[in-house]
Structures are given as structure tokens and as C-alpha cells.
N, C-alpha and C. Protein backbone atom coordinates (compact mmCIF):
# COMPACT_ATOMS: atom_id res chain seq x y z
N MET A 1 39.63 -56.24 103.31
CA MET A 1 38.95 -57.14 102.31
C MET A 1 40.33 -57.91 101.74
N SER A 2 39.85 -58.85 101.23
CA SER A 2 41.45 -59.71 100.56
C SER A 2 41.86 -58.83 99.08
N ASP A 3 42.80 -59.14 98.79
CA ASP A 3 43.44 -58.49 97.54
C ASP A 3 42.64 -58.77 96.34
N LEU A 4 42.32 -60.13 96.90
CA LEU A 4 41.61 -61.04 95.11
C LEU A 4 40.09 -60.04 95.42
N ALA A 5 38.91 -59.78 96.33
CA ALA A 5 38.04 -59.42 96.40
C ALA A 5 38.24 -57.89 95.65
N HIS A 6 39.36 -57.27 96.40
CA HIS A 6 39.40 -55.87 96.08
C HIS A 6 39.45 -55.20 95.02
N PHE A 7 40.38 -56.93 93.87
CA PHE A 7 40.83 -56.75 92.36
C PHE A 7 39.27 -56.71 91.95
N GLU A 8 38.24 -57.93 92.67
CA GLU A 8 37.04 -58.27 91.56
C GLU A 8 35.99 -56.87 91.64
N GLU A 9 36.00 -55.66 92.94
CA GLU A 9 35.25 -54.94 92.78
C GLU A 9 35.75 -53.66 92.58
N SER A 10 37.39 -53.61 91.98
CA SER A 10 38.13 -53.13 91.21
C SER A 10 37.57 -52.96 89.82
N MET A 11 37.56 -54.27 89.22
CA MET A 11 37.23 -54.65 87.74
C MET A 11 35.81 -53.89 87.68
N THR A 12 34.79 -54.26 88.79
CA THR A 12 33.55 -54.33 88.58
C THR A 12 33.32 -52.62 87.98
N ARG A 13 34.25 -51.67 89.07
CA ARG A 13 33.24 -50.69 88.92
C ARG A 13 33.99 -49.98 87.53
N THR A 14 35.66 -50.62 87.22
CA THR A 14 35.70 -50.13 85.98
C THR A 14 34.73 -50.33 84.45
N SER A 15 33.75 -51.48 84.77
CA SER A 15 33.38 -52.26 83.70
C SER A 15 32.44 -50.94 83.76
N VAL A 16 31.46 -50.70 84.96
CA VAL A 16 30.38 -49.91 84.79
C VAL A 16 30.68 -48.75 84.61
N SER A 17 31.98 -48.36 85.11
CA SER A 17 32.30 -47.18 84.38
C SER A 17 32.90 -47.07 82.76
N ASN A 18 33.12 -47.77 82.14
CA ASN A 18 33.32 -48.31 80.81
C ASN A 18 31.71 -48.58 79.96
N ALA A 19 31.14 -48.70 80.42
CA ALA A 19 29.64 -49.25 79.65
C ALA A 19 29.24 -47.66 80.03
N ILE A 20 29.17 -47.03 80.91
CA ILE A 20 28.47 -45.65 81.18
C ILE A 20 29.01 -44.65 80.18
N ARG A 21 30.52 -44.71 79.75
CA ARG A 21 31.41 -44.42 78.98
C ARG A 21 30.77 -44.47 77.51
N THR A 22 30.65 -45.64 77.56
CA THR A 22 30.66 -46.29 76.16
C THR A 22 29.09 -45.75 75.28
N SER A 23 28.29 -45.69 76.58
CA SER A 23 26.60 -45.52 76.31
C SER A 23 26.68 -44.41 75.80
N SER A 24 27.29 -43.41 76.83
CA SER A 24 27.27 -41.81 76.53
C SER A 24 27.89 -41.99 75.41
N ASN A 25 29.38 -42.13 74.90
CA ASN A 25 29.58 -41.85 73.66
C ASN A 25 28.68 -42.25 72.34
N ASP A 26 28.11 -43.27 72.52
CA ASP A 26 27.21 -43.81 71.38
C ASP A 26 25.92 -42.86 71.48
N GLN A 27 25.57 -42.31 72.53
CA GLN A 27 24.88 -41.36 72.17
C GLN A 27 24.53 -39.74 72.18
N THR A 28 26.20 -39.37 72.13
CA THR A 28 26.24 -38.20 71.75
C THR A 28 26.93 -38.48 69.94
N LEU A 29 27.29 -39.71 69.70
CA LEU A 29 27.47 -39.93 68.18
C LEU A 29 25.86 -39.89 67.31
N THR A 30 24.75 -40.40 68.21
CA THR A 30 23.65 -40.52 67.37
C THR A 30 23.45 -39.20 67.42
N ALA A 31 23.26 -38.70 68.56
CA ALA A 31 22.79 -37.08 68.18
C ALA A 31 23.26 -36.22 67.52
N ILE A 32 25.04 -36.18 67.14
CA ILE A 32 25.42 -35.37 66.37
C ILE A 32 25.10 -35.99 64.78
N SER A 33 25.01 -37.27 65.01
CA SER A 33 24.52 -37.78 63.47
C SER A 33 23.02 -37.50 62.93
N GLN A 34 22.15 -37.70 64.08
CA GLN A 34 20.77 -37.17 64.20
C GLN A 34 20.93 -35.52 63.48
N ALA A 35 21.65 -34.19 64.33
CA ALA A 35 21.63 -32.75 64.00
C ALA A 35 22.32 -32.92 62.94
N THR A 36 23.25 -33.51 62.06
CA THR A 36 23.51 -33.78 60.62
C THR A 36 23.26 -33.79 59.98
N MET A 37 21.92 -34.84 59.99
CA MET A 37 20.82 -35.12 59.36
C MET A 37 19.70 -34.12 58.91
N ARG A 38 19.61 -33.85 59.77
CA ARG A 38 18.52 -32.49 60.11
C ARG A 38 18.96 -31.53 59.31
N VAL A 39 19.93 -31.12 59.79
CA VAL A 39 21.21 -29.47 58.86
C VAL A 39 20.70 -29.88 57.69
N ALA A 40 21.27 -31.39 57.27
CA ALA A 40 21.26 -31.35 55.71
C ALA A 40 19.77 -31.53 55.01
N HIS A 41 18.93 -32.18 55.58
CA HIS A 41 17.54 -31.74 55.36
C HIS A 41 17.01 -30.15 55.04
N LEU A 42 17.52 -29.54 56.13
CA LEU A 42 17.42 -28.09 55.89
C LEU A 42 17.96 -27.46 55.03
N ARG A 43 19.18 -27.68 54.78
CA ARG A 43 19.86 -26.97 53.72
C ARG A 43 19.04 -27.07 52.27
N ASP A 44 18.92 -28.70 52.24
CA ASP A 44 18.37 -28.82 50.79
C ASP A 44 16.78 -28.36 50.52
N GLN A 45 16.28 -28.21 51.70
CA GLN A 45 14.46 -26.88 51.62
C GLN A 45 14.76 -25.76 51.81
N VAL A 46 16.25 -25.40 52.24
CA VAL A 46 16.02 -23.82 51.46
C VAL A 46 16.93 -23.75 50.33
N GLY A 47 17.59 -24.97 49.51
CA GLY A 47 17.88 -24.82 48.35
C GLY A 47 16.90 -24.85 47.58
N PHE A 48 16.11 -25.56 47.78
CA PHE A 48 14.43 -26.09 47.12
C PHE A 48 13.63 -24.85 46.90
N ILE A 49 13.80 -23.94 48.30
CA ILE A 49 13.16 -22.89 48.43
C ILE A 49 13.66 -21.67 47.28
N ASN A 50 14.53 -21.47 47.33
CA ASN A 50 15.47 -20.63 46.75
C ASN A 50 15.21 -21.17 45.52
N ASN A 51 15.48 -21.72 44.99
CA ASN A 51 15.39 -22.45 43.23
C ASN A 51 13.43 -21.81 42.95
N ASP A 52 12.99 -22.26 44.09
CA ASP A 52 11.45 -22.10 43.43
C ASP A 52 11.08 -20.42 43.44
N THR A 53 11.99 -19.90 44.51
CA THR A 53 11.98 -18.41 44.39
C THR A 53 12.24 -17.76 43.41
N ALA A 54 13.27 -18.46 42.89
CA ALA A 54 13.94 -17.66 41.56
C ALA A 54 13.14 -17.57 40.28
N ARG A 55 12.50 -19.02 40.66
CA ARG A 55 11.53 -19.61 39.08
C ARG A 55 10.91 -19.17 39.08
N LEU A 56 9.66 -18.61 40.83
CA LEU A 56 8.17 -17.73 40.03
C LEU A 56 8.76 -16.48 39.86
N HIS A 57 9.87 -15.81 40.01
CA HIS A 57 10.78 -14.09 40.13
C HIS A 57 10.61 -14.24 38.47
N GLU A 58 11.08 -15.26 38.06
CA GLU A 58 11.38 -15.44 36.72
C GLU A 58 10.03 -15.44 35.75
N ASP A 59 9.19 -16.26 36.59
CA ASP A 59 7.71 -16.52 35.93
C ASP A 59 7.22 -15.32 35.66
N TYR A 60 7.23 -14.45 37.24
CA TYR A 60 6.83 -13.30 37.21
C TYR A 60 7.08 -11.86 36.25
N LEU A 61 8.32 -12.21 36.23
CA LEU A 61 8.98 -11.07 34.72
C LEU A 61 9.00 -11.51 33.53
N LYS A 62 8.80 -12.41 32.99
CA LYS A 62 7.97 -12.69 31.94
C LYS A 62 6.92 -12.49 31.77
N LEU A 63 5.48 -12.61 32.33
CA LEU A 63 4.35 -12.48 32.77
C LEU A 63 4.19 -10.85 32.21
N LEU A 64 5.16 -9.82 33.14
CA LEU A 64 4.94 -8.79 33.22
C LEU A 64 5.57 -8.32 31.50
N LEU A 65 6.20 -8.75 31.38
CA LEU A 65 7.17 -8.26 29.93
C LEU A 65 5.92 -8.79 28.93
N ASP A 66 5.32 -10.22 29.04
CA ASP A 66 4.30 -10.53 27.91
C ASP A 66 3.66 -9.61 27.93
N SER A 67 2.46 -9.62 29.10
CA SER A 67 1.15 -8.65 29.15
C SER A 67 1.82 -7.02 28.78
N GLU A 68 2.92 -6.43 28.84
CA GLU A 68 2.78 -5.20 28.14
C GLU A 68 3.15 -5.62 27.07
N THR A 69 4.15 -6.46 26.39
CA THR A 69 4.20 -6.78 24.85
C THR A 69 2.99 -6.76 24.05
N ASP A 70 2.02 -7.59 24.52
CA ASP A 70 0.58 -7.31 23.82
C ASP A 70 0.03 -5.87 24.11
N GLU A 71 0.21 -5.49 25.00
CA GLU A 71 -0.73 -3.78 25.18
C GLU A 71 -0.02 -2.81 23.96
N LYS A 72 1.30 -3.62 23.78
CA LYS A 72 2.21 -2.42 22.82
C LYS A 72 2.32 -2.56 21.24
N VAL A 73 1.32 -3.75 20.85
CA VAL A 73 0.84 -4.48 19.99
C VAL A 73 0.32 -3.74 19.28
N LYS A 74 -0.92 -3.29 20.13
CA LYS A 74 -2.10 -2.23 20.09
C LYS A 74 -1.92 -0.98 19.22
N ILE A 75 -0.68 -0.34 19.60
CA ILE A 75 -0.44 0.49 19.05
C ILE A 75 0.00 0.64 17.75
N GLY A 76 0.46 -0.29 17.14
CA GLY A 76 0.56 -0.35 15.81
C GLY A 76 2.25 -0.11 15.19
N LEU A 77 2.83 -0.35 14.46
CA LEU A 77 4.22 -0.66 13.93
C LEU A 77 4.32 1.08 13.74
N GLN A 78 3.74 2.17 13.04
CA GLN A 78 4.01 3.21 13.27
C GLN A 78 4.05 3.83 14.61
N GLY A 79 3.70 3.49 15.26
CA GLY A 79 3.77 3.93 16.90
C GLY A 79 4.55 3.63 17.15
N LEU A 80 4.97 2.20 16.68
CA LEU A 80 6.32 1.37 17.97
C LEU A 80 7.55 2.37 17.72
N LEU A 81 7.42 2.38 15.89
CA LEU A 81 9.11 3.26 15.69
C LEU A 81 9.06 4.57 16.46
N ALA A 82 7.73 5.46 16.15
CA ALA A 82 7.64 6.77 16.73
C ALA A 82 8.06 6.33 18.43
N GLU A 83 7.88 5.47 19.15
CA GLU A 83 8.03 5.61 20.51
C GLU A 83 9.45 5.56 20.37
N LEU A 84 9.99 3.97 20.08
CA LEU A 84 11.60 4.22 20.08
C LEU A 84 12.18 5.20 19.64
N ALA A 85 11.76 6.01 18.25
CA ALA A 85 12.53 7.22 17.89
C ALA A 85 12.29 8.43 18.64
N GLU A 86 11.47 8.59 19.09
CA GLU A 86 11.19 10.09 19.69
C GLU A 86 10.81 10.06 21.13
N ASP A 87 10.54 9.17 22.07
CA ASP A 87 10.04 8.37 23.34
C ASP A 87 11.51 8.33 23.81
N TYR A 88 12.33 7.40 22.94
CA TYR A 88 13.37 7.09 23.45
C TYR A 88 14.82 7.31 23.02
N GLY A 89 14.54 8.03 22.06
CA GLY A 89 16.04 8.39 21.46
C GLY A 89 16.58 7.25 20.85
N PHE A 90 16.37 5.85 20.30
CA PHE A 90 16.97 5.32 19.61
C PHE A 90 17.74 5.91 18.03
N GLY A 91 18.43 5.64 17.62
CA GLY A 91 18.73 5.70 15.86
C GLY A 91 17.84 4.07 15.52
N TRP A 92 18.16 4.53 13.96
CA TRP A 92 17.38 3.29 13.71
C TRP A 92 18.22 2.21 13.33
N THR A 93 19.33 2.56 12.82
CA THR A 93 20.37 1.66 12.96
C THR A 93 20.47 0.93 14.84
N ASP A 94 20.22 1.56 15.48
CA ASP A 94 20.37 0.64 17.00
C ASP A 94 18.79 -0.20 17.36
N ILE A 95 17.67 0.34 16.71
CA ILE A 95 16.41 -0.02 16.51
C ILE A 95 16.52 -1.49 15.95
N ALA A 96 17.33 -1.43 14.76
CA ALA A 96 17.69 -2.59 14.03
C ALA A 96 18.52 -3.53 14.33
N ARG A 97 19.69 -3.15 15.37
CA ARG A 97 20.35 -3.82 15.71
C ARG A 97 19.33 -4.75 16.98
N LEU A 98 19.08 -4.21 17.72
CA LEU A 98 18.16 -4.52 19.16
C LEU A 98 17.13 -5.93 18.81
N VAL A 99 16.36 -5.39 17.40
CA VAL A 99 15.22 -6.31 17.06
C VAL A 99 16.07 -7.43 16.04
N ARG A 100 17.25 -6.98 15.97
CA ARG A 100 18.03 -8.24 14.77
C ARG A 100 17.19 -8.36 13.52
N VAL A 101 17.12 -7.03 12.84
CA VAL A 101 16.95 -6.88 11.43
C VAL A 101 18.05 -6.01 10.72
N SER A 102 17.83 -5.58 9.46
CA SER A 102 18.96 -4.96 8.85
C SER A 102 18.07 -3.39 8.63
N VAL A 103 18.84 -2.16 8.65
CA VAL A 103 18.72 -0.78 8.47
C VAL A 103 17.29 -0.86 7.80
N PRO A 104 17.88 -1.42 6.33
CA PRO A 104 16.41 -1.47 4.97
C PRO A 104 15.60 -1.90 5.21
N ALA A 105 15.29 -2.85 6.42
CA ALA A 105 13.81 -3.00 6.97
C ALA A 105 12.92 -2.15 7.61
N ILE A 106 13.97 -1.71 8.10
CA ILE A 106 13.69 -0.20 9.21
C ILE A 106 13.14 0.54 8.24
N ARG A 107 13.90 1.11 7.16
CA ARG A 107 13.38 2.03 6.32
C ARG A 107 12.58 1.65 5.39
N LYS A 108 12.12 0.67 5.22
CA LYS A 108 11.00 0.04 4.57
C LYS A 108 9.70 0.36 5.56
N TRP A 109 9.90 -0.01 6.78
CA TRP A 109 8.53 -0.03 7.39
C TRP A 109 8.10 1.24 7.81
N ARG A 110 8.92 2.44 8.02
CA ARG A 110 8.70 3.42 8.14
C ARG A 110 7.94 4.19 7.11
N ARG A 111 8.30 3.85 5.46
CA ARG A 111 7.42 3.97 4.77
C ARG A 111 6.43 3.47 4.66
N GLY A 112 5.88 2.69 5.50
CA GLY A 112 4.67 2.03 5.25
C GLY A 112 4.64 0.59 4.63
N GLY A 113 5.92 -0.05 4.63
CA GLY A 113 5.88 -1.45 4.44
C GLY A 113 5.46 -2.59 5.45
N VAL A 114 5.09 -3.53 4.29
CA VAL A 114 4.52 -4.44 5.71
C VAL A 114 5.38 -4.79 6.53
N ILE A 115 5.27 -5.80 8.05
CA ILE A 115 5.61 -6.42 8.59
C ILE A 115 5.54 -7.48 9.11
N SER A 116 5.87 -8.71 9.12
CA SER A 116 5.56 -9.52 9.66
C SER A 116 5.29 -9.58 11.28
N PRO A 117 4.27 -10.53 11.35
CA PRO A 117 4.00 -10.77 13.16
C PRO A 117 5.30 -11.07 14.31
N GLY A 118 5.89 -11.72 13.50
CA GLY A 118 7.24 -11.81 14.63
C GLY A 118 8.13 -10.33 14.67
N ASN A 119 8.17 -9.83 13.48
CA ASN A 119 9.15 -8.68 13.71
C ASN A 119 8.14 -7.09 14.81
N LEU A 120 6.77 -7.65 13.90
CA LEU A 120 5.85 -6.99 15.07
C LEU A 120 6.15 -6.78 16.20
N HIS A 121 5.90 -8.02 16.76
CA HIS A 121 5.75 -8.63 18.33
C HIS A 121 7.51 -8.35 18.77
N SER A 122 8.47 -8.21 18.08
CA SER A 122 9.87 -7.93 18.73
C SER A 122 10.21 -6.35 18.53
N LEU A 123 9.53 -5.79 17.86
CA LEU A 123 9.33 -4.42 18.06
C LEU A 123 8.59 -3.49 19.51
N ALA A 124 7.41 -4.66 19.70
CA ALA A 124 6.28 -4.34 20.65
C ALA A 124 6.44 -4.86 21.92
N GLN A 125 8.03 -5.91 21.98
CA GLN A 125 8.17 -6.25 23.56
C GLN A 125 10.01 -5.36 23.81
N LEU A 126 10.47 -4.81 22.34
CA LEU A 126 11.34 -3.84 23.04
C LEU A 126 10.92 -1.92 23.43
N CYS A 127 9.77 -1.68 23.03
CA CYS A 127 8.92 -0.86 23.76
C CYS A 127 8.49 -1.60 25.34
N ALA A 128 8.14 -2.29 25.30
CA ALA A 128 7.24 -3.03 26.87
C ALA A 128 8.54 -3.28 27.74
N PHE A 129 9.73 -3.70 27.51
CA PHE A 129 11.02 -3.80 27.87
C PHE A 129 11.24 -2.22 28.61
N LEU A 130 11.44 -1.31 27.42
CA LEU A 130 11.91 -0.20 27.94
C LEU A 130 11.08 0.72 29.04
N LYS A 131 9.58 0.34 28.50
CA LYS A 131 8.50 0.99 29.67
C LYS A 131 8.63 0.42 30.96
N ILE A 132 9.19 -0.95 31.20
CA ILE A 132 9.28 -1.57 32.74
C ILE A 132 10.55 -1.00 33.09
N LEU A 133 11.48 -0.98 32.29
CA LEU A 133 12.79 -0.51 33.39
C LEU A 133 12.77 1.04 33.47
N ALA A 134 11.86 1.86 32.73
CA ALA A 134 11.68 3.41 33.14
C ALA A 134 10.91 3.57 34.04
N SER A 135 9.91 2.40 34.34
CA SER A 135 8.71 2.73 35.34
C SER A 135 9.42 2.17 36.70
N GLN A 136 9.87 1.07 36.70
CA GLN A 136 10.70 0.19 38.00
C GLN A 136 12.18 0.45 38.21
N PHE A 137 12.81 0.81 37.68
CA PHE A 137 14.68 0.73 37.84
C PHE A 137 15.45 1.52 37.32
N VAL A 138 15.33 2.03 35.74
CA VAL A 138 16.51 3.51 35.54
C VAL A 138 15.44 4.65 35.00
N ALA A 139 16.52 5.26 35.30
CA ALA A 139 15.44 6.88 34.48
C ALA A 139 15.53 6.42 32.96
N ASP A 140 16.68 6.65 32.89
CA ASP A 140 17.07 6.50 31.68
C ASP A 140 17.15 4.99 31.00
N PRO A 141 16.08 4.62 29.98
CA PRO A 141 16.73 3.03 29.90
C PRO A 141 17.33 3.01 28.30
N ALA A 142 17.21 4.25 27.59
CA ALA A 142 18.20 3.86 26.22
C ALA A 142 19.47 3.45 26.80
N ALA A 143 20.20 4.94 27.60
CA ALA A 143 21.50 4.69 27.88
C ALA A 143 21.85 4.04 28.66
N TRP A 144 20.92 2.91 29.75
CA TRP A 144 21.63 1.88 30.21
C TRP A 144 21.71 0.82 29.44
N LEU A 145 20.74 0.66 28.43
CA LEU A 145 20.75 -0.42 27.62
C LEU A 145 22.17 -0.49 26.76
N THR A 146 22.17 0.85 26.29
CA THR A 146 23.48 0.81 25.25
C THR A 146 25.03 0.45 26.12
N THR A 147 25.12 0.56 27.38
CA THR A 147 26.24 0.76 28.31
C THR A 147 27.28 -0.68 28.26
N PRO A 148 28.41 -0.62 28.29
CA PRO A 148 28.96 -2.00 28.53
C PRO A 148 28.54 -2.91 30.05
N LEU A 149 28.74 -3.49 30.09
CA LEU A 149 27.73 -4.42 31.58
C LEU A 149 28.95 -3.96 32.75
N SER A 150 30.15 -4.11 32.56
CA SER A 150 31.15 -3.77 33.14
C SER A 150 32.19 -3.72 32.57
N ALA A 151 33.45 -2.31 33.10
CA ALA A 151 34.42 -1.89 32.95
C ALA A 151 35.34 -3.12 32.82
N GLU A 152 35.09 -4.13 33.88
CA GLU A 152 36.21 -5.40 33.81
C GLU A 152 35.96 -6.47 32.70
N ILE A 153 34.73 -6.25 32.06
CA ILE A 153 34.92 -7.36 31.20
C ILE A 153 34.77 -6.51 29.58
N ASP A 154 34.91 -7.18 28.51
CA ASP A 154 35.18 -7.19 26.97
C ASP A 154 33.80 -5.83 26.85
N ARG A 155 34.02 -4.86 27.08
CA ARG A 155 33.69 -3.19 26.25
C ARG A 155 32.17 -3.57 25.39
N SER A 156 32.57 -4.80 24.35
CA SER A 156 31.64 -5.00 22.98
C SER A 156 30.57 -5.76 24.19
N LEU A 157 30.55 -6.72 25.34
CA LEU A 157 29.14 -7.23 26.12
C LEU A 157 28.52 -5.90 26.59
N THR A 158 27.56 -5.46 25.74
CA THR A 158 26.61 -4.20 26.49
C THR A 158 25.75 -5.10 26.69
N LYS A 159 24.80 -4.43 27.58
CA LYS A 159 22.98 -4.41 28.02
C LYS A 159 22.57 -5.11 26.27
N ALA A 160 22.64 -4.07 25.35
CA ALA A 160 22.10 -4.26 24.20
C ALA A 160 22.03 -5.77 23.40
N SER A 161 23.62 -6.02 23.43
CA SER A 161 24.08 -7.14 22.83
C SER A 161 23.71 -8.69 23.89
N ILE A 162 23.16 -8.51 24.68
CA ILE A 162 22.51 -9.58 25.50
C ILE A 162 21.20 -9.21 25.19
N TYR A 163 20.73 -8.08 25.20
CA TYR A 163 19.14 -8.20 24.84
C TYR A 163 18.65 -8.59 23.59
N SER A 164 19.82 -8.43 22.67
CA SER A 164 19.46 -8.67 21.23
C SER A 164 19.61 -9.98 20.95
N GLN A 165 19.84 -11.08 21.89
CA GLN A 165 20.26 -12.26 21.60
C GLN A 165 18.92 -13.16 22.29
N GLY A 166 18.44 -12.31 22.95
CA GLY A 166 17.02 -13.10 23.39
C GLY A 166 16.60 -13.28 24.68
N ASN A 167 17.53 -12.24 25.61
CA ASN A 167 17.19 -12.35 26.80
C ASN A 167 17.01 -11.20 28.08
N ALA A 168 16.19 -10.82 27.50
CA ALA A 168 15.11 -9.57 28.22
C ALA A 168 14.60 -9.92 29.34
N VAL A 169 14.20 -11.28 29.47
CA VAL A 169 13.87 -11.51 30.88
C VAL A 169 14.63 -11.56 31.97
N ALA A 170 16.34 -12.28 31.69
CA ALA A 170 17.55 -12.48 32.12
C ALA A 170 17.63 -11.05 32.72
N LEU A 171 17.43 -9.84 31.69
CA LEU A 171 18.38 -8.36 31.97
C LEU A 171 17.54 -7.75 33.10
N LEU A 172 16.32 -7.84 33.14
CA LEU A 172 14.90 -7.38 33.91
C LEU A 172 15.10 -8.38 35.61
N ALA A 173 15.86 -9.78 35.14
CA ALA A 173 15.87 -10.09 36.93
C ALA A 173 17.26 -9.28 37.43
N TYR A 174 18.50 -8.73 36.44
CA TYR A 174 19.66 -8.45 36.60
C TYR A 174 19.14 -7.14 37.11
N VAL A 175 18.61 -6.48 36.72
CA VAL A 175 18.36 -4.60 36.73
C VAL A 175 18.09 -4.62 38.25
N ASP A 176 17.12 -5.49 38.16
CA ASP A 176 15.74 -5.94 39.41
C ASP A 176 16.98 -6.12 41.11
N HIS A 177 18.35 -6.97 40.86
CA HIS A 177 19.11 -7.23 41.41
C HIS A 177 18.45 -8.33 42.23
N HIS A 178 17.74 -9.26 41.23
CA HIS A 178 17.53 -10.58 41.70
C HIS A 178 18.90 -11.70 41.10
N ILE A 179 19.78 -11.66 40.15
CA ILE A 179 20.83 -12.07 39.67
C ILE A 179 22.07 -11.17 39.45
N ASN A 180 23.43 -11.47 40.07
CA ASN A 180 24.31 -10.46 39.92
C ASN A 180 24.87 -10.84 38.56
N LEU A 181 25.73 -9.98 38.14
CA LEU A 181 26.49 -9.88 36.97
C LEU A 181 27.24 -11.62 36.83
N GLU A 182 28.07 -12.21 37.44
CA GLU A 182 28.44 -13.32 37.18
C GLU A 182 27.35 -14.57 37.06
N GLN A 183 26.27 -14.35 37.53
CA GLN A 183 25.19 -15.52 37.50
C GLN A 183 24.37 -14.81 35.79
N LEU A 184 24.90 -13.70 35.51
CA LEU A 184 23.52 -12.87 34.13
C LEU A 184 24.84 -13.76 33.23
N LEU A 185 25.96 -13.55 33.69
CA LEU A 185 26.43 -14.50 32.12
C LEU A 185 26.69 -15.72 32.18
N GLN A 186 26.75 -15.91 33.11
CA GLN A 186 26.67 -17.55 32.97
C GLN A 186 25.22 -17.64 32.33
N LEU A 187 24.14 -17.22 32.98
CA LEU A 187 22.89 -17.51 32.03
C LEU A 187 22.66 -17.41 30.76
N VAL A 188 23.07 -16.29 30.21
CA VAL A 188 22.84 -16.05 28.67
C VAL A 188 24.26 -16.84 27.85
N GLY A 189 25.20 -17.55 29.18
CA GLY A 189 26.08 -18.81 28.12
C GLY A 189 27.53 -17.77 27.52
N VAL A 190 27.45 -16.44 28.45
CA VAL A 190 29.02 -16.27 27.57
C VAL A 190 30.13 -16.32 28.48
N ALA A 191 31.18 -17.57 27.90
CA ALA A 191 32.26 -18.05 28.68
C ALA A 191 33.04 -17.13 29.03
N PRO A 192 34.02 -17.42 30.04
CA PRO A 192 35.01 -16.76 30.39
C PRO A 192 35.94 -16.32 30.10
N GLU A 193 36.23 -16.65 28.95
CA GLU A 193 37.35 -16.30 28.16
C GLU A 193 36.73 -15.73 26.84
N ASP A 194 35.43 -14.99 26.84
CA ASP A 194 35.06 -14.60 26.00
C ASP A 194 34.73 -12.80 26.95
N ARG A 195 34.73 -12.83 28.32
CA ARG A 195 34.50 -12.20 29.01
C ARG A 195 35.86 -10.80 28.99
N LYS A 196 37.14 -11.60 28.99
CA LYS A 196 38.33 -10.56 28.70
C LYS A 196 38.09 -9.24 27.66
N PRO A 197 38.31 -8.14 29.20
CA PRO A 197 38.64 -6.94 27.88
C PRO A 197 39.64 -6.68 26.78
N THR A 198 39.04 -6.33 25.61
CA THR A 198 40.24 -6.26 24.69
C THR A 198 40.47 -5.16 24.12
N THR A 199 39.92 -3.98 25.07
CA THR A 199 40.02 -2.37 24.89
C THR A 199 40.67 -2.16 25.90
N LYS A 200 40.94 -0.72 25.73
CA LYS A 200 41.10 0.16 26.88
C LYS A 200 40.81 1.72 26.70
N LEU A 201 40.27 2.45 27.56
CA LEU A 201 40.11 3.92 27.57
C LEU A 201 41.66 4.51 27.99
N MET A 202 42.12 5.06 27.08
CA MET A 202 43.44 6.05 26.82
C MET A 202 43.17 7.82 26.83
N PRO A 203 43.69 8.10 27.90
CA PRO A 203 43.32 9.79 27.31
C PRO A 203 43.74 10.22 26.53
N ASN A 204 43.34 12.21 25.99
CA ASN A 204 44.05 12.41 24.65
C ASN A 204 44.79 13.19 25.37
N GLU A 205 45.12 13.93 23.95
CA GLU A 205 45.65 15.56 24.89
C GLU A 205 45.12 16.62 25.30
N ASP A 206 43.40 16.40 24.63
CA ASP A 206 43.04 17.84 25.25
C ASP A 206 41.84 16.94 26.37
N GLY A 207 42.05 16.09 26.86
CA GLY A 207 41.57 15.23 28.40
C GLY A 207 40.41 14.35 27.62
N SER A 208 39.90 14.16 26.76
CA SER A 208 39.12 13.30 26.23
C SER A 208 39.38 12.12 26.41
N LEU A 209 38.64 11.13 26.06
CA LEU A 209 39.09 9.85 26.63
C LEU A 209 38.88 8.74 25.04
N SER A 210 39.76 8.39 24.40
CA SER A 210 39.42 7.19 23.65
C SER A 210 39.86 5.67 23.86
N ILE A 211 39.10 4.46 23.06
CA ILE A 211 38.81 3.51 23.36
C ILE A 211 39.66 2.99 22.62
N VAL A 212 40.59 2.34 22.82
CA VAL A 212 41.85 1.69 21.61
C VAL A 212 41.92 0.04 22.58
N PRO A 213 42.51 -0.37 21.35
CA PRO A 213 42.69 -1.96 21.60
C PRO A 213 44.12 -2.17 22.93
N ILE A 214 43.81 -3.02 23.37
CA ILE A 214 44.88 -3.65 24.64
C ILE A 214 45.83 -4.12 23.83
N GLY A 215 46.98 -3.79 24.11
CA GLY A 215 48.82 -3.67 23.76
C GLY A 215 49.01 -2.74 22.81
N SER A 216 47.55 -2.01 22.40
CA SER A 216 48.42 -0.93 21.72
C SER A 216 49.04 0.44 22.14
């Protein structure tokens, strides 16, 4: 074979090899691109499913709370006050703070004073909330409600303070472990700068603990 013929044959083999390699690379890139698009589509679907599940769970908790509240309204004002004080051990100040009324208003209701439908609903919802906690989540709902959310954040951020701002459903989702503490704080609008501890526990000489301001 002449040198020219050998060269032409070599060039032909190289061209065919390059064409095959190029075709193979294109097919690989196409396959990767398609797989990436499928993964992105699946990720979007999972995100939609998670969002839908969260909304369904929240809707279920709200429906449960509303249903229990409607039942509690039927026992009337004095029955609600007795349940909160006697069954759950709340003081009148605690009840006033949770339903966002004054202590004199509670005193008036105890004496048979007139209560507005909105305040009656608030008392009924509190009883309903406590019933759900006791039946499904915690043994002592009153103690759970009045304790701080976490030792790592401001102790004034109690579950009761969260509840009193109208976040009963969010608290149920939290105690149900459907959302974590960070998600709860974001959901109820507690900014990061408002979470920093302002107090700390200090031991006394008798072994007891006192809450004192940080820096003291």
C-alpha cells in the first residue's frame, strides 16, 4: 500500500472514530440532561406533596379544634370557668392572659356577668385546646402550656404567650411533631433578635434556683 493510500485509510478510520465518539458523547449529555430534568420534576412534585400534606394536616388540626370548641360552648360560661380552674388548675390571672382579657372581666363573669360571644368562644377554644392536648399529646397540659419553649431562647417565649397571640393550631402542629421549634417560631413571626435569652438560672445558697437577668 502506498503512503498516500495508507494516509487516506488512517484519516477515514480517525473520522469514523471521532464521529462515533462525538455521537456517544452527545447521547451521554442528552441522557444526563434528561435525567436531571426528571430529578428536578420529581423534586418539584415532592415539594408540592409536602406542601399539600402540611396544609392538610393544618386543616385537620383546625377542624378538630373548631369541632371541640363548638362542643365546649354548650357547657356555658360557668362550666368553662370551672373546667379551667378546677380541672386544669389555672389561676384567674392565667386564664385572663390566655384569652386576652382583664382579670376584672374574669371576676365579673364569675359573678354571673354578661360575656360577649367572642369571649365565650375564646374560653371554649382554650378548654378545647387543653382537651386535645390531654387526650393526645401531654399528661399535664397546663404545665406544658406555661413552660418556656426552650432553654436556649428567651424564657418569656412560653407556649402560653404563643397561644395568646392566636396560634393554637400552630402549637398543636408543634406538639404533634409536625413542625419543629424553628418552624414554629417562623410561623408565629418571632424574629431571631427576639429569641435571644435575656435571663439565666442562678443557684442560690440553699440549692434552689433563681431567674436573673443576663449580665447581673
